[in-house]
Amino acid sequence: MAKETGRKLIAQNKKARHDYHILDTYECGLVLTGTEVKSLRQGRASLADGFAQLDKGEAWLHNVHIPEYSQGTWTNHSARRRRKLLLHRAEIDKLIHKTQESGHTIVPLSLYFRDGRAKVEVALAKGKKDYDKRQTLREKQDRRETDRVISAARRRERGRV
């Protein structure tokens, strides 16, 4: 059997980039049971309500929904159980120090397989205010509109040549 290589995306938290200013990102391993891995290989997971918490020098991922494995038996896992994140000690210490500041939190951005191992990308983030969210949307719309005008001008130029 050939070894799996590359990156295969399972789930993404698009709402996190809308609701938070992303300050720093970390790639973490996950401690999973066998049925969780099988369920993830089917491409089923949700990071929508997920968050990470630091407790007694360890990082834990809460509220990430990995549905039960369809062919699982009594060994099946709980869908929303907390899962341990695998980080280096220096990274955990840095996160502990940063999350003690007001308004900082740790949110999962994406869940994926890298070279056959389940990984989660977590971010140190600061919550956005409503006016920040509106400003971000406005900038995104302006960028989209400018790109549309530029591509239309290029199409007209190609038509004249």
Protein backbone atom coordinates (compact mmCIF):
# COMPACT_ATOMS: atom_id res chain seq x y z
CA MET A 1 0.00 0.00 0.00
CA ALA A 2 1.41 3.40 -0.99
CA LYS A 3 1.99 5.94 1.75
CA GLU A 4 -0.29 8.96 1.65
CA THR A 5 1.48 12.27 0.92
CA GLY A 6 0.42 15.87 0.63
CA ARG A 7 -2.39 17.78 2.30
CA LYS A 8 -6.06 16.74 2.16
CA LEU A 9 -8.49 19.30 3.61
CA ILE A 10 -11.32 17.90 5.73
CA ALA A 11 -13.00 20.96 7.24
CA GLN A 12 -12.48 24.72 7.32
CA ASN A 13 -13.74 27.42 9.68
CA LYS A 14 -14.48 30.36 7.35
CA LYS A 15 -16.44 32.18 10.03
CA ALA A 16 -13.33 32.46 12.22
CA ARG A 17 -11.57 34.70 9.69
CA HIS A 18 -14.69 36.88 9.58
CA ASP A 19 -15.12 37.15 13.35
CA TYR A 20 -11.49 37.44 14.47
CA HIS A 21 -8.23 39.21 13.65
CA ILE A 22 -5.78 36.33 13.13
CA LEU A 23 -2.54 37.15 14.96
CA ASP A 24 -0.56 33.90 14.74
CA THR A 25 -1.20 30.35 13.46
CA TYR A 26 0.05 26.97 14.68
CA GLU A 27 -0.13 23.48 13.19
CA CYS A 28 -1.04 20.91 15.84
CA GLY A 29 -1.41 17.18 15.94
CA LEU A 30 -4.54 15.64 17.46
CA VAL A 31 -5.00 12.70 19.82
CA LEU A 32 -7.81 10.71 18.16
CA THR A 33 -9.43 7.30 18.51
CA GLY A 34 -9.63 4.88 15.58
CA THR A 35 -13.27 5.57 14.76
CA GLU A 36 -12.59 9.33 14.72
CA VAL A 37 -9.84 8.86 12.14
CA LYS A 38 -12.11 6.68 10.00
CA SER A 39 -14.88 9.27 10.19
CA LEU A 40 -12.42 12.02 9.22
CA ARG A 41 -11.20 9.96 6.26
CA GLN A 42 -14.80 10.04 5.01
CA GLY A 43 -14.45 13.84 5.03
CA ARG A 44 -16.95 14.55 7.77
CA ALA A 45 -16.27 17.18 10.46
CA SER A 46 -17.34 20.64 11.57
CA LEU A 47 -15.23 23.35 13.21
CA ALA A 48 -18.04 25.92 13.46
CA ASP A 49 -18.31 26.12 17.27
CA GLY A 50 -14.79 24.93 18.04
CA PHE A 51 -12.29 26.59 20.33
CA ALA A 52 -9.08 25.62 22.10
CA GLN A 53 -8.42 25.95 25.80
CA LEU A 54 -5.21 25.71 27.80
CA ASP A 55 -5.53 23.71 31.00
CA LYS A 56 -2.66 22.71 33.33
CA GLY A 57 -0.03 23.17 30.63
CA GLU A 58 -1.95 21.19 28.00
CA ALA A 59 -3.96 22.37 25.00
CA TRP A 60 -7.46 20.96 24.45
CA LEU A 61 -9.82 21.34 21.49
CA HIS A 62 -13.49 21.70 22.46
CA ASN A 63 -16.79 21.57 20.49
CA VAL A 64 -15.33 20.24 17.25
CA HIS A 65 -17.93 17.91 15.75
CA ILE A 66 -16.61 14.66 14.30
CA PRO A 67 -19.69 12.47 13.65
CA GLU A 68 -19.76 8.86 14.77
CA TYR A 69 -18.33 6.34 12.32
CA SER A 70 -21.18 4.66 10.44
CA GLN A 71 -19.71 1.13 10.72
CA GLY A 72 -18.58 1.66 14.33
CA THR A 73 -19.83 -0.55 17.13
CA TRP A 74 -19.71 -0.05 20.89
CA THR A 75 -16.16 1.36 20.41
CA ASN A 76 -17.57 4.46 18.65
CA HIS A 77 -16.55 7.87 19.99
CA SER A 78 -18.61 10.76 21.34
CA ALA A 79 -19.12 13.33 18.54
CA ARG A 80 -18.25 16.48 20.53
CA ARG A 81 -15.72 15.19 23.06
CA ARG A 82 -12.67 17.29 23.93
CA ARG A 83 -9.48 16.30 22.13
CA LYS A 84 -5.90 16.91 23.15
CA LEU A 85 -3.77 19.10 20.88
CA LEU A 86 -0.14 18.17 20.37
CA LEU A 87 2.06 21.28 20.58
CA HIS A 88 5.63 21.95 21.64
CA ARG A 89 6.12 23.19 25.20
CA ALA A 90 7.44 26.57 23.99
CA GLU A 91 4.34 27.06 21.82
CA ILE A 92 2.02 26.22 24.73
CA ASP A 93 3.87 28.63 27.02
CA LYS A 94 3.62 31.39 24.40
CA LEU A 95 -0.12 30.74 23.97
CA ILE A 96 -0.71 30.76 27.74
CA HIS A 97 1.02 34.12 27.99
CA LYS A 98 -0.87 35.62 25.00
CA THR A 99 -4.35 34.34 25.96
CA GLN A 100 -4.13 36.01 29.36
CA GLU A 101 -4.33 39.33 27.50
CA SER A 102 -7.85 40.72 27.17
CA GLY A 103 -9.84 39.64 24.10
CA HIS A 104 -7.43 36.94 22.87
CA THR A 105 -8.61 33.41 22.16
CA ILE A 106 -7.53 30.29 20.27
CA VAL A 107 -9.76 29.17 17.39
CA PRO A 108 -9.39 26.25 14.93
CA LEU A 109 -9.07 27.37 11.30
CA SER A 110 -8.83 24.08 9.42
CA LEU A 111 -8.69 20.33 9.91
CA TYR A 112 -6.72 18.25 7.41
CA PHE A 113 -4.52 15.23 6.80
CA ARG A 114 -0.83 15.92 6.18
CA ASP A 115 1.14 12.88 5.03
CA GLY A 116 -1.53 10.60 6.49
CA ARG A 117 -1.70 12.26 9.93
CA ALA A 118 -4.62 14.35 11.18
CA LYS A 119 -3.62 17.95 11.86
CA VAL A 120 -5.51 21.04 12.93
CA GLU A 121 -4.44 24.62 12.24
CA VAL A 122 -5.26 26.80 15.24
CA ALA A 123 -4.89 30.56 15.45
CA LEU A 124 -4.26 33.01 18.22
CA ALA A 125 -7.00 35.53 17.50
CA LYS A 126 -8.52 38.74 18.80
CA GLY A 127 -12.26 39.31 18.42
CA LYS A 128 -13.41 41.87 15.86
CA LYS A 129 -15.91 44.58 16.65
CA ASP A 130 -18.97 45.00 14.39
CA TYR A 131 -17.47 48.00 12.63
CA ASP A 132 -14.30 45.98 11.89
CA LYS A 133 -16.43 43.28 10.27
CA ARG A 134 -18.23 45.86 8.13
CA GLN A 135 -14.89 47.43 7.15
CA THR A 136 -13.53 44.02 6.12
CA LEU A 137 -16.61 43.31 4.01
CA ARG A 138 -16.36 46.75 2.38
CA GLU A 139 -12.68 46.19 1.52
CA LYS A 140 -13.49 42.75 0.10
CA GLN A 141 -16.27 44.19 -2.10
CA ASP A 142 -14.02 47.04 -3.28
CA ARG A 143 -11.25 44.60 -4.17
CA ARG A 144 -13.72 42.39 -6.06
CA GLU A 145 -15.12 45.40 -7.94
CA THR A 146 -11.64 46.66 -8.92
CA ASP A 147 -10.66 43.21 -10.16
CA ARG A 148 -13.87 43.06 -12.22
CA VAL A 149 -13.16 46.46 -13.84
CA ILE A 150 -9.53 45.52 -14.59
CA SER A 151 -10.49 42.19 -16.17
CA ALA A 152 -13.18 43.89 -18.29
CA ALA A 153 -10.64 46.46 -19.51
CA ARG A 154 -8.19 43.67 -20.39
CA ARG A 155 -10.90 41.85 -22.34
CA ARG A 156 -11.64 45.00 -24.33
CA GLU A 157 -7.92 45.46 -25.05
CA ARG A 158 -7.64 41.90 -26.33
CA GLY A 159 -10.62 42.50 -28.60
CA ARG A 160 -8.92 45.54 -30.24
CA VAL A 161 -5.62 43.82 -31.00
